[in-house]
Amino acid sequence: MSSTPHTTEGRLGEVRFLTVAEVATLMRVSKMTVYRLVHAGDLTAVRVGRSFRVPEHAVDAYLREAFRETA
């Protein structure tokens, strides 16, 4: 049995995490919008203490899906 976690993005150390403010700037939305997406389960995030960190690949996946829905 393998103890390696299943990830499609490679090893955890290679994942780039963004703050909520960075995600908001990248997506050109408010921080509250990012928090809503996280709490709704639409955007994957990791809780670090009292704040959230969003894997960069989760933002990419969310935006790709959003483009698909509008196309």
PDB file of N, CA and C in Angstrom:
ATOM      1  N   MET A   1       0.839  -1.181   0.000  1.00  0.00           N
ATOM      2  CA  MET A   1       0.000   0.000   0.000  1.00  0.00           C
ATOM      3  C   MET A   1       0.883   1.244   0.000  1.00  0.00           C
ATOM      4  N   SER A   2       0.570   2.191  -0.827  1.00  0.00           N
ATOM      5  CA  SER A   2       1.363   3.406  -0.945  1.00  0.00           C
ATOM      6  C   SER A   2       0.863   4.460   0.038  1.00  0.00           C
ATOM      7  N   SER A   3       1.774   5.173   0.668  1.00  0.00           N
ATOM      8  CA  SER A   3       1.383   6.232   1.594  1.00  0.00           C
ATOM      9  C   SER A   3       1.442   7.600   0.934  1.00  0.00           C
ATOM     10  N   THR A   4       1.714   7.632  -0.352  1.00  0.00           N
ATOM     11  CA  THR A   4       1.791   8.881  -1.089  1.00  0.00           C
ATOM     12  C   THR A   4       0.394   9.426  -1.336  1.00  0.00           C
ATOM     13  N   PRO A   5       0.123  10.685  -0.933  1.00  0.00           N
ATOM     14  CA  PRO A   5      -1.205  11.247  -1.186  1.00  0.00           C
ATOM     15  C   PRO A   5      -1.440  11.411  -2.678  1.00  0.00           C
ATOM     16  N   HIS A   6      -2.689  11.255  -3.088  1.00  0.00           N
ATOM     17  CA  HIS A   6      -3.054  11.365  -4.498  1.00  0.00           C
ATOM     18  C   HIS A   6      -3.274  12.829  -4.850  1.00  0.00           C
ATOM     19  N   THR A   7      -2.407  13.375  -5.677  1.00  0.00           N
ATOM     20  CA  THR A   7      -2.593  14.734  -6.173  1.00  0.00           C
ATOM     21  C   THR A   7      -2.308  14.741  -7.652  1.00  0.00           C
ATOM     22  N   THR A   8      -3.030  15.581  -8.361  1.00  0.00           N
ATOM     23  CA  THR A   8      -2.811  15.695  -9.797  1.00  0.00           C
ATOM     24  C   THR A   8      -1.803  16.784 -10.113  1.00  0.00           C
ATOM     25  N   GLU A   9      -1.410  17.542  -9.119  1.00  0.00           N
ATOM     26  CA  GLU A   9      -0.513  18.666  -9.353  1.00  0.00           C
ATOM     27  C   GLU A   9       0.914  18.387  -8.901  1.00  0.00           C
ATOM     28  N   GLY A  10       1.242  17.168  -8.535  1.00  0.00           N
ATOM     29  CA  GLY A  10       2.592  16.861  -8.089  1.00  0.00           C
ATOM     30  C   GLY A  10       2.692  16.913  -6.583  1.00  0.00           C
ATOM     31  N   ARG A  11       3.912  17.044  -6.107  1.00  0.00           N
ATOM     32  CA  ARG A  11       4.136  17.051  -4.664  1.00  0.00           C
ATOM     33  C   ARG A  11       3.644  18.341  -4.025  1.00  0.00           C
ATOM     34  N   LEU A  12       3.248  18.232  -2.760  1.00  0.00           N
ATOM     35  CA  LEU A  12       2.700  19.374  -2.032  1.00  0.00           C
ATOM     36  C   LEU A  12       3.686  20.530  -1.960  1.00  0.00           C
ATOM     37  N   GLY A  13       4.972  20.235  -1.847  1.00  0.00           N
ATOM     38  CA  GLY A  13       5.977  21.285  -1.775  1.00  0.00           C
ATOM     39  C   GLY A  13       6.087  22.099  -3.047  1.00  0.00           C
ATOM     40  N   GLU A  14       5.558  21.576  -4.142  1.00  0.00           N
ATOM     41  CA  GLU A  14       5.618  22.276  -5.423  1.00  0.00           C
ATOM     42  C   GLU A  14       4.386  23.136  -5.678  1.00  0.00           C
ATOM     43  N   VAL A  15       3.385  23.031  -4.806  1.00  0.00           N
ATOM     44  CA  VAL A  15       2.152  23.791  -4.983  1.00  0.00           C
ATOM     45  C   VAL A  15       2.373  25.215  -4.502  1.00  0.00           C
ATOM     46  N   ARG A  16       1.950  26.184  -5.304  1.00  0.00           N
ATOM     47  CA  ARG A  16       2.058  27.588  -4.915  1.00  0.00           C
ATOM     48  C   ARG A  16       0.728  28.010  -4.308  1.00  0.00           C
ATOM     49  N   PHE A  17       0.767  28.524  -3.090  1.00  0.00           N
ATOM     50  CA  PHE A  17      -0.437  28.964  -2.398  1.00  0.00           C
ATOM     51  C   PHE A  17      -0.557  30.478  -2.476  1.00  0.00           C
ATOM     52  N   LEU A  18      -1.775  30.953  -2.711  1.00  0.00           N
ATOM     53  CA  LEU A  18      -2.062  32.378  -2.809  1.00  0.00           C
ATOM     54  C   LEU A  18      -2.926  32.814  -1.633  1.00  0.00           C
ATOM     55  N   THR A  19      -2.759  34.054  -1.207  1.00  0.00           N
ATOM     56  CA  THR A  19      -3.641  34.603  -0.182  1.00  0.00           C
ATOM     57  C   THR A  19      -4.976  34.969  -0.827  1.00  0.00           C
ATOM     58  N   VAL A  20      -5.969  35.202   0.012  1.00  0.00           N
ATOM     59  CA  VAL A  20      -7.279  35.619  -0.493  1.00  0.00           C
ATOM     60  C   VAL A  20      -7.143  36.945  -1.246  1.00  0.00           C
ATOM     61  N   ALA A  21      -6.332  37.847  -0.730  1.00  0.00           N
ATOM     62  CA  ALA A  21      -6.127  39.135  -1.399  1.00  0.00           C
ATOM     63  C   ALA A  21      -5.482  38.950  -2.772  1.00  0.00           C
ATOM     64  N   GLU A  22      -4.519  38.044  -2.875  1.00  0.00           N
ATOM     65  CA  GLU A  22      -3.873  37.782  -4.167  1.00  0.00           C
ATOM     66  C   GLU A  22      -4.862  37.188  -5.166  1.00  0.00           C
ATOM     67  N   VAL A  23      -5.705  36.270  -4.693  1.00  0.00           N
ATOM     68  CA  VAL A  23      -6.715  35.674  -5.575  1.00  0.00           C
ATOM     69  C   VAL A  23      -7.695  36.748  -6.034  1.00  0.00           C
ATOM     70  N   ALA A  24      -8.119  37.603  -5.114  1.00  0.00           N
ATOM     71  CA  ALA A  24      -9.056  38.675  -5.457  1.00  0.00           C
ATOM     72  C   ALA A  24      -8.456  39.603  -6.509  1.00  0.00           C
ATOM     73  N   THR A  25      -7.201  39.955  -6.352  1.00  0.00           N
ATOM     74  CA  THR A  25      -6.527  40.816  -7.327  1.00  0.00           C
ATOM     75  C   THR A  25      -6.417  40.122  -8.677  1.00  0.00           C
ATOM     76  N   LEU A  26      -6.034  38.865  -8.656  1.00  0.00           N
ATOM     77  CA  LEU A  26      -5.886  38.090  -9.887  1.00  0.00           C
ATOM     78  C   LEU A  26      -7.207  37.990 -10.650  1.00  0.00           C
ATOM     79  N   MET A  27      -8.300  37.761  -9.910  1.00  0.00           N
ATOM     80  CA  MET A  27      -9.613  37.586 -10.533  1.00  0.00           C
ATOM     81  C   MET A  27     -10.366  38.903 -10.705  1.00  0.00           C
ATOM     82  N   ARG A  28      -9.804  39.986 -10.156  1.00  0.00           N
ATOM     83  CA  ARG A  28     -10.434  41.311 -10.194  1.00  0.00           C
ATOM     84  C   ARG A  28     -11.823  41.304  -9.566  1.00  0.00           C
ATOM     85  N   VAL A  29     -11.872  40.709  -8.376  1.00  0.00           N
ATOM     86  CA  VAL A  29     -13.091  40.691  -7.571  1.00  0.00           C
ATOM     87  C   VAL A  29     -12.704  41.110  -6.152  1.00  0.00           C
ATOM     88  N   SER A  30     -13.700  41.256  -5.287  1.00  0.00           N
ATOM     89  CA  SER A  30     -13.413  41.619  -3.902  1.00  0.00           C
ATOM     90  C   SER A  30     -12.960  40.397  -3.110  1.00  0.00           C
ATOM     91  N   LYS A  31     -12.336  40.657  -1.969  1.00  0.00           N
ATOM     92  CA  LYS A  31     -11.946  39.559  -1.089  1.00  0.00           C
ATOM     93  C   LYS A  31     -13.184  38.813  -0.605  1.00  0.00           C
ATOM     94  N   MET A  32     -14.283  39.531  -0.373  1.00  0.00           N
ATOM     95  CA  MET A  32     -15.518  38.895   0.076  1.00  0.00           C
ATOM     96  C   MET A  32     -16.022  37.892  -0.961  1.00  0.00           C
ATOM     97  N   THR A  33     -15.882  38.201  -2.234  1.00  0.00           N
ATOM     98  CA  THR A  33     -16.287  37.265  -3.289  1.00  0.00           C
ATOM     99  C   THR A  33     -15.455  35.992  -3.215  1.00  0.00           C
ATOM    100  N   VAL A  34     -14.163  36.133  -2.973  1.00  0.00           N
ATOM    101  CA  VAL A  34     -13.294  34.955  -2.845  1.00  0.00           C
ATOM    102  C   VAL A  34     -13.722  34.136  -1.633  1.00  0.00           C
ATOM    103  N   TYR A  35     -13.983  34.795  -0.504  1.00  0.00           N
ATOM    104  CA  TYR A  35     -14.447  34.072   0.686  1.00  0.00           C
ATOM    105  C   TYR A  35     -15.749  33.327   0.406  1.00  0.00           C
ATOM    106  N   ARG A  36     -16.657  33.952  -0.327  1.00  0.00           N
ATOM    107  CA  ARG A  36     -17.923  33.287  -0.673  1.00  0.00           C
ATOM    108  C   ARG A  36     -17.672  32.041  -1.518  1.00  0.00           C
ATOM    109  N   LEU A  37     -16.777  32.142  -2.489  1.00  0.00           N
ATOM    110  CA  LEU A  37     -16.444  30.986  -3.332  1.00  0.00           C
ATOM    111  C   LEU A  37     -15.840  29.853  -2.501  1.00  0.00           C
ATOM    112  N   VAL A  38     -14.988  30.205  -1.553  1.00  0.00           N
ATOM    113  CA  VAL A  38     -14.363  29.200  -0.689  1.00  0.00           C
ATOM    114  C   VAL A  38     -15.417  28.531   0.188  1.00  0.00           C
ATOM    115  N   HIS A  39     -16.248  29.337   0.846  1.00  0.00           N
ATOM    116  CA  HIS A  39     -17.258  28.784   1.750  1.00  0.00           C
ATOM    117  C   HIS A  39     -18.322  27.986   1.010  1.00  0.00           C
ATOM    118  N   ALA A  40     -18.595  28.326  -0.241  1.00  0.00           N
ATOM    119  CA  ALA A  40     -19.576  27.584  -1.043  1.00  0.00           C
ATOM    120  C   ALA A  40     -18.986  26.288  -1.595  1.00  0.00           C
ATOM    121  N   GLY A  41     -17.669  26.139  -1.487  1.00  0.00           N
ATOM    122  CA  GLY A  41     -17.021  24.939  -2.008  1.00  0.00           C
ATOM    123  C   GLY A  41     -16.688  25.031  -3.485  1.00  0.00           C
ATOM    124  N   ASP A  42     -16.837  26.211  -4.066  1.00  0.00           N
ATOM    125  CA  ASP A  42     -16.534  26.401  -5.485  1.00  0.00           C
ATOM    126  C   ASP A  42     -15.044  26.600  -5.740  1.00  0.00           C
ATOM    127  N   LEU A  43     -14.320  27.013  -4.714  1.00  0.00           N
ATOM    128  CA  LEU A  43     -12.886  27.263  -4.826  1.00  0.00           C
ATOM    129  C   LEU A  43     -12.199  26.560  -3.657  1.00  0.00           C
ATOM    130  N   THR A  44     -11.288  25.662  -3.966  1.00  0.00           N
ATOM    131  CA  THR A  44     -10.579  24.899  -2.941  1.00  0.00           C
ATOM    132  C   THR A  44      -9.610  25.798  -2.184  1.00  0.00           C
ATOM    133  N   ALA A  45      -9.594  25.657  -0.867  1.00  0.00           N
ATOM    134  CA  ALA A  45      -8.672  26.435  -0.044  1.00  0.00           C
ATOM    135  C   ALA A  45      -8.258  25.613   1.166  1.00  0.00           C
ATOM    136  N   VAL A  46      -7.141  26.015   1.745  1.00  0.00           N
ATOM    137  CA  VAL A  46      -6.614  25.383   2.948  1.00  0.00           C
ATOM    138  C   VAL A  46      -6.635  26.426   4.057  1.00  0.00           C
ATOM    139  N   ARG A  47      -7.143  26.044   5.205  1.00  0.00           N
ATOM    140  CA  ARG A  47      -7.149  26.974   6.333  1.00  0.00           C
ATOM    141  C   ARG A  47      -5.793  26.904   7.029  1.00  0.00           C
ATOM    142  N   VAL A  48      -5.181  28.066   7.209  1.00  0.00           N
ATOM    143  CA  VAL A  48      -3.913  28.185   7.924  1.00  0.00           C
ATOM    144  C   VAL A  48      -4.163  29.159   9.069  1.00  0.00           C
ATOM    145  N   GLY A  49      -4.325  28.611  10.260  1.00  0.00           N
ATOM    146  CA  GLY A  49      -4.696  29.467  11.391  1.00  0.00           C
ATOM    147  C   GLY A  49      -6.087  30.026  11.164  1.00  0.00           C
ATOM    148  N   ARG A  50      -6.190  31.345  11.154  1.00  0.00           N
ATOM    149  CA  ARG A  50      -7.488  31.983  10.929  1.00  0.00           C
ATOM    150  C   ARG A  50      -7.672  32.449   9.488  1.00  0.00           C
ATOM    151  N   SER A  51      -6.705  32.196   8.640  1.00  0.00           N
ATOM    152  CA  SER A  51      -6.794  32.656   7.253  1.00  0.00           C
ATOM    153  C   SER A  51      -6.831  31.477   6.292  1.00  0.00           C
ATOM    154  N   PHE A  52      -7.073  31.776   5.037  1.00  0.00           N
ATOM    155  CA  PHE A  52      -7.121  30.760   3.994  1.00  0.00           C
ATOM    156  C   PHE A  52      -5.972  30.964   3.027  1.00  0.00           C
ATOM    157  N   ARG A  53      -5.516  29.857   2.452  1.00  0.00           N
ATOM    158  CA  ARG A  53      -4.570  29.887   1.338  1.00  0.00           C
ATOM    159  C   ARG A  53      -5.185  29.062   0.229  1.00  0.00           C
ATOM    160  N   VAL A  54      -5.124  29.588  -0.981  1.00  0.00           N
ATOM    161  CA  VAL A  54      -5.739  28.943  -2.138  1.00  0.00           C
ATOM    162  C   VAL A  54      -4.637  28.436  -3.062  1.00  0.00           C
ATOM    163  N   PRO A  55      -4.634  27.137  -3.374  1.00  0.00           N
ATOM    164  CA  PRO A  55      -3.641  26.628  -4.322  1.00  0.00           C
ATOM    165  C   PRO A  55      -3.838  27.292  -5.687  1.00  0.00           C
ATOM    166  N   GLU A  56      -2.748  27.681  -6.297  1.00  0.00           N
ATOM    167  CA  GLU A  56      -2.829  28.363  -7.593  1.00  0.00           C
ATOM    168  C   GLU A  56      -3.575  27.515  -8.622  1.00  0.00           C
ATOM    169  N   HIS A  57      -3.376  26.198  -8.591  1.00  0.00           N
ATOM    170  CA  HIS A  57      -4.056  25.335  -9.559  1.00  0.00           C
ATOM    171  C   HIS A  57      -5.568  25.332  -9.343  1.00  0.00           C
ATOM    172  N   ALA A  58      -6.028  25.614  -8.112  1.00  0.00           N
ATOM    173  CA  ALA A  58      -7.469  25.682  -7.848  1.00  0.00           C
ATOM    174  C   ALA A  58      -8.079  26.913  -8.518  1.00  0.00           C
ATOM    175  N   VAL A  59      -7.339  28.011  -8.516  1.00  0.00           N
ATOM    176  CA  VAL A  59      -7.806  29.223  -9.200  1.00  0.00           C
ATOM    177  C   VAL A  59      -7.874  28.964 -10.701  1.00  0.00           C
ATOM    178  N   ASP A  60      -6.828  28.337 -11.248  1.00  0.00           N
ATOM    179  CA  ASP A  60      -6.818  28.003 -12.677  1.00  0.00           C
ATOM    180  C   ASP A  60      -8.007  27.123 -13.038  1.00  0.00           C
ATOM    181  N   ALA A  61      -8.267  26.100 -12.225  1.00  0.00           N
ATOM    182  CA  ALA A  61      -9.374  25.177 -12.494  1.00  0.00           C
ATOM    183  C   ALA A  61     -10.713  25.899 -12.422  1.00  0.00           C
ATOM    184  N   TYR A  62     -10.880  26.770 -11.437  1.00  0.00           N
ATOM    185  CA  TYR A  62     -12.134  27.515 -11.301  1.00  0.00           C
ATOM    186  C   TYR A  62     -12.365  28.399 -12.525  1.00  0.00           C
ATOM    187  N   LEU A  63     -11.334  29.110 -12.953  1.00  0.00           N
ATOM    188  CA  LEU A  63     -11.478  30.006 -14.103  1.00  0.00           C
ATOM    189  C   LEU A  63     -11.723  29.236 -15.397  1.00  0.00           C
ATOM    190  N   ARG A  64     -11.063  28.102 -15.571  1.00  0.00           N
ATOM    191  CA  ARG A  64     -11.304  27.275 -16.764  1.00  0.00           C
ATOM    192  C   ARG A  64     -12.757  26.819 -16.815  1.00  0.00           C
ATOM    193  N   GLU A  65     -13.286  26.390 -15.668  1.00  0.00           N
ATOM    194  CA  GLU A  65     -14.680  25.949 -15.601  1.00  0.00           C
ATOM    195  C   GLU A  65     -15.626  27.123 -15.876  1.00  0.00           C
ATOM    196  N   ALA A  66     -15.295  28.295 -15.354  1.00  0.00           N
ATOM    197  CA  ALA A  66     -16.125  29.479 -15.582  1.00  0.00           C
ATOM    198  C   ALA A  66     -16.153  29.837 -17.069  1.00  0.00           C
ATOM    199  N   PHE A  67     -15.006  29.722 -17.741  1.00  0.00           N
ATOM    200  CA  PHE A  67     -14.957  29.989 -19.178  1.00  0.00           C
ATOM    201  C   PHE A  67     -15.792  28.980 -19.947  1.00  0.00           C
ATOM    202  N   ARG A  68     -15.732  27.720 -19.530  1.00  0.00           N
ATOM    203  CA  ARG A  68     -16.513  26.673 -20.198  1.00  0.00           C
ATOM    204  C   ARG A  68     -18.008  26.929 -20.068  1.00  0.00           C
ATOM    205  N   GLU A  69     -18.434  27.389 -18.886  1.00  0.00           N
ATOM    206  CA  GLU A  69     -19.852  27.638 -18.645  1.00  0.00           C
ATOM    207  C   GLU A  69     -20.374  28.813 -19.455  1.00  0.00           C
ATOM    208  N   THR A  70     -19.509  29.785 -19.764  1.00  0.00           N
ATOM    209  CA  THR A  70     -19.961  30.960 -20.505  1.00  0.00           C
ATOM    210  C   THR A  70     -19.805  30.803 -22.010  1.00  0.00           C
ATOM    211  N   ALA A  71     -19.081  29.783 -22.432  1.00  0.00           N
ATOM    212  CA  ALA A  71     -18.839  29.586 -23.869  1.00  0.00           C
ATOM    213  C   ALA A  71     -20.022  28.935 -24.548  1.00  0.00           C
TER     214      ALA A  71
END
